[in-house]
């Protein structure tokens, strides 16, 4: 059960990060530099 939850959370994080990059690619770059 824990493994399934972790995998789902990772997938959600990846999808969320990709969506943010598509919408505003400059914001993630600025945060990474800081």
PDB file of N, CA and C in Angstrom:
ATOM      1  N   UNK A   1       0.852  -1.212   0.000  1.00  0.00           N
ATOM      2  CA  UNK A   1       0.000   0.000   0.000  1.00  0.00           C
ATOM      3  C   UNK A   1       0.884   1.258   0.000  1.00  0.00           C
ATOM      4  N   UNK A   2       1.894   1.281   0.846  1.00  0.00           N
ATOM      5  CA  UNK A   2       2.747   2.476   0.929  1.00  0.00           C
ATOM      6  C   UNK A   2       3.453   2.715  -0.406  1.00  0.00           C
ATOM      7  N   UNK A   3       3.902   1.631  -1.028  1.00  0.00           N
ATOM      8  CA  UNK A   3       4.622   1.782  -2.305  1.00  0.00           C
ATOM      9  C   UNK A   3       3.698   2.401  -3.347  1.00  0.00           C
ATOM     10  N   UNK A   4       2.462   1.940  -3.400  1.00  0.00           N
ATOM     11  CA  UNK A   4       1.512   2.487  -4.384  1.00  0.00           C
ATOM     12  C   UNK A   4       1.305   3.975  -4.142  1.00  0.00           C
ATOM     13  N   UNK A   5       1.163   4.354  -2.897  1.00  0.00           N
ATOM     14  CA  UNK A   5       0.941   5.779  -2.574  1.00  0.00           C
ATOM     15  C   UNK A   5       2.145   6.605  -3.014  1.00  0.00           C
ATOM     16  N   UNK A   6       3.334   6.105  -2.745  1.00  0.00           N
ATOM     17  CA  UNK A   6       4.556   6.842  -3.111  1.00  0.00           C
ATOM     18  C   UNK A   6       4.639   7.002  -4.621  1.00  0.00           C
ATOM     19  N   UNK A   7       4.357   5.934  -5.359  1.00  0.00           N
ATOM     20  CA  UNK A   7       4.433   6.016  -6.823  1.00  0.00           C
ATOM     21  C   UNK A   7       3.410   7.019  -7.346  1.00  0.00           C
ATOM     22  N   UNK A   8       2.214   6.994  -6.791  1.00  0.00           N
ATOM     23  CA  UNK A   8       1.173   7.937  -7.236  1.00  0.00           C
ATOM     24  C   UNK A   8       1.611   9.373  -6.948  1.00  0.00           C
ATOM     25  N   UNK A   9       2.160   9.603  -5.769  1.00  0.00           N
ATOM     26  CA  UNK A   9       2.620  10.953  -5.415  1.00  0.00           C
ATOM     27  C   UNK A   9       3.705  11.415  -6.375  1.00  0.00           C
ATOM     28  N   UNK A  10       4.636  10.518  -6.724  1.00  0.00           N
ATOM     29  CA  UNK A  10       5.709  10.879  -7.662  1.00  0.00           C
ATOM     30  C   UNK A  10       5.119  11.242  -9.015  1.00  0.00           C
ATOM     31  N   UNK A  11       4.163  10.443  -9.484  1.00  0.00           N
ATOM     32  CA  UNK A  11       3.546  10.729 -10.785  1.00  0.00           C
ATOM     33  C   UNK A  11       2.843  12.080 -10.741  1.00  0.00           C
ATOM     34  N   UNK A  12       2.127  12.362  -9.657  1.00  0.00           N
ATOM     35  CA  UNK A  12       1.428  13.652  -9.542  1.00  0.00           C
ATOM     36  C   UNK A  12       2.433  14.796  -9.552  1.00  0.00           C
ATOM     37  N   UNK A  13       3.527  14.653  -8.846  1.00  0.00           N
ATOM     38  CA  UNK A  13       4.548  15.708  -8.807  1.00  0.00           C
ATOM     39  C   UNK A  13       5.126  15.938 -10.195  1.00  0.00           C
ATOM     40  N   UNK A  14       5.395  14.849 -10.928  1.00  0.00           N
ATOM     41  CA  UNK A  14       5.950  14.982 -12.288  1.00  0.00           C
ATOM     42  C   UNK A  14       4.942  15.698 -13.186  1.00  0.00           C
ATOM     43  N   UNK A  15       3.692  15.275 -13.130  1.00  0.00           N
ATOM     44  CA  UNK A  15       2.667  15.906 -13.973  1.00  0.00           C
ATOM     45  C   UNK A  15       2.524  17.384 -13.603  1.00  0.00           C
ATOM     46  N   UNK A  16       2.501  17.683 -12.318  1.00  0.00           N
ATOM     47  CA  UNK A  16       2.349  19.070 -11.866  1.00  0.00           C
ATOM     48  C   UNK A  16       3.531  19.920 -12.329  1.00  0.00           C
ATOM     49  N   UNK A  17       4.734  19.384 -12.188  1.00  0.00           N
ATOM     50  CA  UNK A  17       5.935  20.137 -12.590  1.00  0.00           C
ATOM     51  C   UNK A  17       5.928  20.382 -14.095  1.00  0.00           C
ATOM     52  N   UNK A  18       5.557  19.367 -14.890  1.00  0.00           N
ATOM     53  CA  UNK A  18       5.539  19.534 -16.349  1.00  0.00           C
ATOM     54  C   UNK A  18       4.485  20.571 -16.735  1.00  0.00           C
ATOM     55  N   UNK A  19       3.335  20.550 -16.062  1.00  0.00           N
ATOM     56  CA  UNK A  19       2.284  21.531 -16.383  1.00  0.00           C
ATOM     57  C   UNK A  19       2.775  22.947 -16.087  1.00  0.00           C
ATOM     58  N   UNK A  20       3.451  23.121 -14.956  1.00  0.00           N
ATOM     59  CA  UNK A  20       3.947  24.466 -14.605  1.00  0.00           C
ATOM     60  C   UNK A  20       4.980  24.925 -15.636  1.00  0.00           C
ATOM     61  N   UNK A  21       5.846  24.024 -16.064  1.00  0.00           N
ATOM     62  CA  UNK A  21       6.877  24.394 -17.040  1.00  0.00           C
ATOM     63  C   UNK A  21       6.230  24.803 -18.354  1.00  0.00           C
ATOM     64  N   UNK A  22       5.166  24.115 -18.751  1.00  0.00           N
ATOM     65  CA  UNK A  22       4.488  24.457 -20.014  1.00  0.00           C
ATOM     66  C   UNK A  22       3.824  25.829 -19.896  1.00  0.00           C
ATOM     67  N   UNK A  23       3.206  26.106 -18.748  1.00  0.00           N
ATOM     68  CA  UNK A  23       2.511  27.384 -18.575  1.00  0.00           C
ATOM     69  C   UNK A  23       3.503  28.530 -18.406  1.00  0.00           C
ATOM     70  N   UNK A  24       4.424  28.402 -17.425  1.00  0.00           N
ATOM     71  CA  UNK A  24       5.399  29.482 -17.162  1.00  0.00           C
ATOM     72  C   UNK A  24       6.792  28.877 -17.017  1.00  0.00           C
ATOM     73  N   UNK A  25       7.527  28.755 -18.106  1.00  0.00           N
ATOM     74  CA  UNK A  25       8.854  28.116 -18.064  1.00  0.00           C
ATOM     75  C   UNK A  25       9.894  28.944 -17.326  1.00  0.00           C
ATOM     76  N   UNK A  26       9.659  30.246 -17.149  1.00  0.00           N
ATOM     77  CA  UNK A  26      10.663  31.104 -16.515  1.00  0.00           C
ATOM     78  C   UNK A  26      10.674  30.951 -14.993  1.00  0.00           C
ATOM     79  N   UNK A  27       9.531  30.693 -14.396  1.00  0.00           N
ATOM     80  CA  UNK A  27       9.456  30.633 -12.928  1.00  0.00           C
ATOM     81  C   UNK A  27      10.310  29.477 -12.356  1.00  0.00           C
ATOM     82  N   UNK A  28      10.200  28.245 -12.870  1.00  0.00           N
ATOM     83  CA  UNK A  28      11.013  27.143 -12.326  1.00  0.00           C
ATOM     84  C   UNK A  28      12.508  27.435 -12.450  1.00  0.00           C
ATOM     85  N   UNK A  29      12.922  28.056 -13.543  1.00  0.00           N
ATOM     86  CA  UNK A  29      14.345  28.361 -13.735  1.00  0.00           C
ATOM     87  C   UNK A  29      14.814  29.346 -12.676  1.00  0.00           C
ATOM     88  N   UNK A  30      14.013  30.352 -12.385  1.00  0.00           N
ATOM     89  CA  UNK A  30      14.405  31.354 -11.391  1.00  0.00           C
ATOM     90  C   UNK A  30      14.537  30.709 -10.007  1.00  0.00           C
ATOM     91  N   UNK A  31      13.600  29.845  -9.667  1.00  0.00           N
ATOM     92  CA  UNK A  31      13.640  29.211  -8.349  1.00  0.00           C
ATOM     93  C   UNK A  31      14.865  28.297  -8.257  1.00  0.00           C
ATOM     94  N   UNK A  32      15.206  27.618  -9.333  1.00  0.00           N
ATOM     95  CA  UNK A  32      16.362  26.709  -9.301  1.00  0.00           C
ATOM     96  C   UNK A  32      17.644  27.517  -9.112  1.00  0.00           C
ATOM     97  N   UNK A  33      17.740  28.669  -9.766  1.00  0.00           N
ATOM     98  CA  UNK A  33      18.957  29.481  -9.644  1.00  0.00           C
ATOM     99  C   UNK A  33      19.127  29.961  -8.200  1.00  0.00           C
ATOM    100  N   UNK A  34      18.030  30.331  -7.554  1.00  0.00           N
ATOM    101  CA  UNK A  34      18.117  30.811  -6.172  1.00  0.00           C
ATOM    102  C   UNK A  34      18.507  29.654  -5.247  1.00  0.00           C
TER     103      UNK A  34
END
